[in-house]
């Protein structure tokens, strides 16, 4: 295998890896938005309960 062929293979591997990483992050972050929204509502509800108990 020549240096040129090796370089081409490395570039292909890096491109494929970048696509896989990008897709994985996208699929991981989309449901995460709903999870964070739900967590925010839970924290808000807990804070309101503490406020009500303090009054």
PDB file of N, CA and C in Angstrom:
ATOM      1  N   UNK A   1       0.858  -1.165   0.000  1.00  0.00           N
ATOM      2  CA  UNK A   1       0.000   0.000   0.000  1.00  0.00           C
ATOM      3  C   UNK A   1       0.909   1.233   0.000  1.00  0.00           C
ATOM      4  N   UNK A   2       0.630   2.140  -0.904  1.00  0.00           N
ATOM      5  CA  UNK A   2       1.439   3.353  -0.995  1.00  0.00           C
ATOM      6  C   UNK A   2       0.976   4.360   0.040  1.00  0.00           C
ATOM      7  N   UNK A   3       1.795   5.377   0.222  1.00  0.00           N
ATOM      8  CA  UNK A   3       1.432   6.437   1.167  1.00  0.00           C
ATOM      9  C   UNK A   3       0.151   7.133   0.738  1.00  0.00           C
ATOM     10  N   UNK A   4      -0.020   7.305  -0.556  1.00  0.00           N
ATOM     11  CA  UNK A   4      -1.230   7.968  -1.066  1.00  0.00           C
ATOM     12  C   UNK A   4      -2.471   7.142  -0.758  1.00  0.00           C
ATOM     13  N   UNK A   5      -2.385   5.834  -0.983  1.00  0.00           N
ATOM     14  CA  UNK A   5      -3.520   4.961  -0.682  1.00  0.00           C
ATOM     15  C   UNK A   5      -3.831   4.967   0.821  1.00  0.00           C
ATOM     16  N   UNK A   6      -2.787   4.963   1.617  1.00  0.00           N
ATOM     17  CA  UNK A   6      -2.978   5.011   3.063  1.00  0.00           C
ATOM     18  C   UNK A   6      -3.664   6.303   3.483  1.00  0.00           C
ATOM     19  N   UNK A   7      -3.230   7.422   2.911  1.00  0.00           N
ATOM     20  CA  UNK A   7      -3.835   8.716   3.213  1.00  0.00           C
ATOM     21  C   UNK A   7      -5.306   8.747   2.814  1.00  0.00           C
ATOM     22  N   UNK A   8      -5.625   8.176   1.674  1.00  0.00           N
ATOM     23  CA  UNK A   8      -7.023   8.134   1.214  1.00  0.00           C
ATOM     24  C   UNK A   8      -7.859   7.297   2.183  1.00  0.00           C
ATOM     25  N   UNK A   9      -7.317   6.154   2.618  1.00  0.00           N
ATOM     26  CA  UNK A   9      -8.050   5.306   3.561  1.00  0.00           C
ATOM     27  C   UNK A   9      -8.249   6.001   4.900  1.00  0.00           C
ATOM     28  N   UNK A  10      -7.250   6.720   5.373  1.00  0.00           N
ATOM     29  CA  UNK A  10      -7.364   7.440   6.629  1.00  0.00           C
ATOM     30  C   UNK A  10      -8.419   8.529   6.507  1.00  0.00           C
ATOM     31  N   UNK A  11      -8.438   9.247   5.407  1.00  0.00           N
ATOM     32  CA  UNK A  11      -9.445  10.297   5.206  1.00  0.00           C
ATOM     33  C   UNK A  11     -10.847   9.706   5.171  1.00  0.00           C
ATOM     34  N   UNK A  12     -11.007   8.569   4.514  1.00  0.00           N
ATOM     35  CA  UNK A  12     -12.324   7.918   4.470  1.00  0.00           C
ATOM     36  C   UNK A  12     -12.764   7.509   5.870  1.00  0.00           C
ATOM     37  N   UNK A  13     -11.832   6.940   6.640  1.00  0.00           N
ATOM     38  CA  UNK A  13     -12.143   6.517   7.992  1.00  0.00           C
ATOM     39  C   UNK A  13     -12.521   7.715   8.852  1.00  0.00           C
ATOM     40  N   UNK A  14     -11.774   8.808   8.715  1.00  0.00           N
ATOM     41  CA  UNK A  14     -12.066  10.008   9.509  1.00  0.00           C
ATOM     42  C   UNK A  14     -13.415  10.597   9.128  1.00  0.00           C
ATOM     43  N   UNK A  15     -13.738  10.608   7.848  1.00  0.00           N
ATOM     44  CA  UNK A  15     -15.026  11.131   7.395  1.00  0.00           C
ATOM     45  C   UNK A  15     -16.174  10.271   7.935  1.00  0.00           C
ATOM     46  N   UNK A  16     -16.013   8.965   7.819  1.00  0.00           N
ATOM     47  CA  UNK A  16     -17.044   8.060   8.321  1.00  0.00           C
ATOM     48  C   UNK A  16     -17.200   8.220   9.831  1.00  0.00           C
ATOM     49  N   UNK A  17     -16.095   8.350  10.535  1.00  0.00           N
ATOM     50  CA  UNK A  17     -16.145   8.531  11.988  1.00  0.00           C
ATOM     51  C   UNK A  17     -16.844   9.825  12.357  1.00  0.00           C
ATOM     52  N   UNK A  18     -16.555  10.896  11.624  1.00  0.00           N
ATOM     53  CA  UNK A  18     -17.191  12.191  11.899  1.00  0.00           C
ATOM     54  C   UNK A  18     -18.696  12.108  11.678  1.00  0.00           C
ATOM     55  N   UNK A  19     -19.109  11.419  10.652  1.00  0.00           N
ATOM     56  CA  UNK A  19     -20.549  11.267  10.376  1.00  0.00           C
ATOM     57  C   UNK A  19     -21.217  10.471  11.496  1.00  0.00           C
ATOM     58  N   UNK A  20     -20.578   9.403  11.929  1.00  0.00           N
ATOM     59  CA  UNK A  20     -21.147   8.574  12.994  1.00  0.00           C
ATOM     60  C   UNK A  20     -21.247   9.358  14.300  1.00  0.00           C
ATOM     61  N   UNK A  21     -20.208  10.096  14.641  1.00  0.00           N
ATOM     62  CA  UNK A  21     -20.214  10.885  15.878  1.00  0.00           C
ATOM     63  C   UNK A  21     -21.301  11.957  15.816  1.00  0.00           C
ATOM     64  N   UNK A  22     -21.413  12.644  14.688  1.00  0.00           N
ATOM     65  CA  UNK A  22     -22.422  13.686  14.532  1.00  0.00           C
ATOM     66  C   UNK A  22     -23.832  13.114  14.651  1.00  0.00           C
ATOM     67  N   UNK A  23     -24.065  11.999  13.992  1.00  0.00           N
ATOM     68  CA  UNK A  23     -25.388  11.370  14.054  1.00  0.00           C
ATOM     69  C   UNK A  23     -25.706  10.909  15.475  1.00  0.00           C
ATOM     70  N   UNK A  24     -24.726  10.340  16.152  1.00  0.00           N
ATOM     71  CA  UNK A  24     -24.935   9.867  17.520  1.00  0.00           C
ATOM     72  C   UNK A  24     -25.280  11.027  18.446  1.00  0.00           C
ATOM     73  N   UNK A  25     -24.556  12.124  18.320  1.00  0.00           N
ATOM     74  CA  UNK A  25     -24.842  13.289  19.152  1.00  0.00           C
ATOM     75  C   UNK A  25     -26.223  13.853  18.864  1.00  0.00           C
ATOM     76  N   UNK A  26     -26.589  13.916  17.596  1.00  0.00           N
ATOM     77  CA  UNK A  26     -27.903  14.444  17.232  1.00  0.00           C
ATOM     78  C   UNK A  26     -29.011  13.586  17.835  1.00  0.00           C
ATOM     79  N   UNK A  27     -28.878  12.265  17.722  1.00  0.00           N
ATOM     80  CA  UNK A  27     -29.903  11.380  18.269  1.00  0.00           C
ATOM     81  C   UNK A  27     -29.914  11.398  19.788  1.00  0.00           C
ATOM     82  N   UNK A  28     -28.790  11.676  20.407  1.00  0.00           N
ATOM     83  CA  UNK A  28     -28.730  11.723  21.869  1.00  0.00           C
ATOM     84  C   UNK A  28     -29.298  13.032  22.409  1.00  0.00           C
ATOM     85  N   UNK A  29     -29.105  14.120  21.685  1.00  0.00           N
ATOM     86  CA  UNK A  29     -29.529  15.420  22.181  1.00  0.00           C
ATOM     87  C   UNK A  29     -31.008  15.696  21.974  1.00  0.00           C
ATOM     88  N   UNK A  30     -31.601  15.150  20.936  1.00  0.00           N
ATOM     89  CA  UNK A  30     -33.014  15.426  20.659  1.00  0.00           C
ATOM     90  C   UNK A  30     -33.910  14.941  21.797  1.00  0.00           C
ATOM     91  N   UNK A  31     -33.790  13.697  22.245  1.00  0.00           N
ATOM     92  CA  UNK A  31     -34.619  13.291  23.383  1.00  0.00           C
ATOM     93  C   UNK A  31     -34.203  13.987  24.673  1.00  0.00           C
ATOM     94  N   UNK A  32     -32.960  14.409  24.746  1.00  0.00           N
ATOM     95  CA  UNK A  32     -32.470  15.096  25.933  1.00  0.00           C
ATOM     96  C   UNK A  32     -33.205  16.394  26.185  1.00  0.00           C
ATOM     97  N   UNK A  33     -33.680  17.040  25.135  1.00  0.00           N
ATOM     98  CA  UNK A  33     -34.434  18.286  25.294  1.00  0.00           C
ATOM     99  C   UNK A  33     -35.699  18.026  26.106  1.00  0.00           C
ATOM    100  N   UNK A  34     -36.413  16.967  25.779  1.00  0.00           N
ATOM    101  CA  UNK A  34     -37.631  16.632  26.516  1.00  0.00           C
ATOM    102  C   UNK A  34     -37.299  16.262  27.956  1.00  0.00           C
ATOM    103  N   UNK A  35     -36.210  15.565  28.145  1.00  0.00           N
ATOM    104  CA  UNK A  35     -35.824  15.155  29.490  1.00  0.00           C
ATOM    105  C   UNK A  35     -35.505  16.368  30.346  1.00  0.00           C
ATOM    106  N   UNK A  36     -34.757  17.314  29.804  1.00  0.00           N
ATOM    107  CA  UNK A  36     -34.393  18.511  30.560  1.00  0.00           C
ATOM    108  C   UNK A  36     -35.632  19.351  30.869  1.00  0.00           C
ATOM    109  N   UNK A  37     -36.561  19.398  29.926  1.00  0.00           N
ATOM    110  CA  UNK A  37     -37.798  20.148  30.173  1.00  0.00           C
ATOM    111  C   UNK A  37     -38.568  19.517  31.330  1.00  0.00           C
ATOM    112  N   UNK A  38     -38.655  18.207  31.326  1.00  0.00           N
ATOM    113  CA  UNK A  38     -39.340  17.503  32.408  1.00  0.00           C
ATOM    114  C   UNK A  38     -38.635  17.700  33.739  1.00  0.00           C
ATOM    115  N   UNK A  39     -37.299  17.666  33.714  1.00  0.00           N
ATOM    116  CA  UNK A  39     -36.538  17.876  34.944  1.00  0.00           C
ATOM    117  C   UNK A  39     -36.762  19.294  35.471  1.00  0.00           C
ATOM    118  N   UNK A  40     -36.824  20.257  34.578  1.00  0.00           N
ATOM    119  CA  UNK A  40     -37.080  21.641  34.984  1.00  0.00           C
ATOM    120  C   UNK A  40     -38.439  21.788  35.644  1.00  0.00           C
ATOM    121  N   UNK A  41     -39.424  21.113  35.100  1.00  0.00           N
ATOM    122  CA  UNK A  41     -40.770  21.166  35.699  1.00  0.00           C
ATOM    123  C   UNK A  41     -40.775  20.522  37.075  1.00  0.00           C
ATOM    124  N   UNK A  42     -40.034  19.416  37.222  1.00  0.00           N
ATOM    125  CA  UNK A  42     -39.958  18.743  38.527  1.00  0.00           C
ATOM    126  C   UNK A  42     -39.309  19.649  39.563  1.00  0.00           C
ATOM    127  N   UNK A  43     -38.237  20.311  39.186  1.00  0.00           N
ATOM    128  CA  UNK A  43     -37.534  21.199  40.116  1.00  0.00           C
ATOM    129  C   UNK A  43     -38.432  22.379  40.475  1.00  0.00           C
ATOM    130  N   UNK A  44     -39.138  22.908  39.490  1.00  0.00           N
ATOM    131  CA  UNK A  44     -40.054  24.032  39.753  1.00  0.00           C
ATOM    132  C   UNK A  44     -41.153  23.605  40.716  1.00  0.00           C
ATOM    133  N   UNK A  45     -41.698  22.424  40.498  1.00  0.00           N
ATOM    134  CA  UNK A  45     -42.758  21.913  41.371  1.00  0.00           C
ATOM    135  C   UNK A  45     -42.241  21.723  42.794  1.00  0.00           C
ATOM    136  N   UNK A  46     -41.048  21.193  42.933  1.00  0.00           N
ATOM    137  CA  UNK A  46     -40.459  21.002  44.264  1.00  0.00           C
ATOM    138  C   UNK A  46     -40.244  22.350  44.945  1.00  0.00           C
ATOM    139  N   UNK A  47     -39.777  23.335  44.181  1.00  0.00           N
ATOM    140  CA  UNK A  47     -39.568  24.677  44.740  1.00  0.00           C
ATOM    141  C   UNK A  47     -40.860  25.301  45.207  1.00  0.00           C
ATOM    142  N   UNK A  48     -41.930  25.115  44.453  1.00  0.00           N
ATOM    143  CA  UNK A  48     -43.226  25.658  44.845  1.00  0.00           C
ATOM    144  C   UNK A  48     -43.730  24.978  46.116  1.00  0.00           C
ATOM    145  N   UNK A  49     -43.486  23.671  46.239  1.00  0.00           N
ATOM    146  CA  UNK A  49     -43.903  22.940  47.437  1.00  0.00           C
ATOM    147  C   UNK A  49     -43.171  23.471  48.666  1.00  0.00           C
ATOM    148  N   UNK A  50     -41.888  23.745  48.527  1.00  0.00           N
ATOM    149  CA  UNK A  50     -41.103  24.288  49.638  1.00  0.00           C
ATOM    150  C   UNK A  50     -41.614  25.681  50.015  1.00  0.00           C
ATOM    151  N   UNK A  51     -41.925  26.493  49.002  1.00  0.00           N
ATOM    152  CA  UNK A  51     -42.463  27.819  49.256  1.00  0.00           C
ATOM    153  C   UNK A  51     -43.782  27.742  50.000  1.00  0.00           C
ATOM    154  N   UNK A  52     -44.666  26.865  49.556  1.00  0.00           N
ATOM    155  CA  UNK A  52     -45.974  26.720  50.214  1.00  0.00           C
ATOM    156  C   UNK A  52     -45.806  26.261  51.654  1.00  0.00           C
ATOM    157  N   UNK A  53     -44.881  25.350  51.901  1.00  0.00           N
ATOM    158  CA  UNK A  53     -44.657  24.853  53.262  1.00  0.00           C
ATOM    159  C   UNK A  53     -44.076  25.952  54.155  1.00  0.00           C
ATOM    160  N   UNK A  54     -43.289  26.855  53.567  1.00  0.00           N
ATOM    161  CA  UNK A  54     -42.671  27.920  54.351  1.00  0.00           C
ATOM    162  C   UNK A  54     -43.691  28.970  54.757  1.00  0.00           C
ATOM    163  N   UNK A  55     -44.740  29.132  53.961  1.00  0.00           N
ATOM    164  CA  UNK A  55     -45.761  30.159  54.260  1.00  0.00           C
ATOM    165  C   UNK A  55     -46.725  29.588  55.211  1.00  0.00           C
TER     166      UNK A  55
END
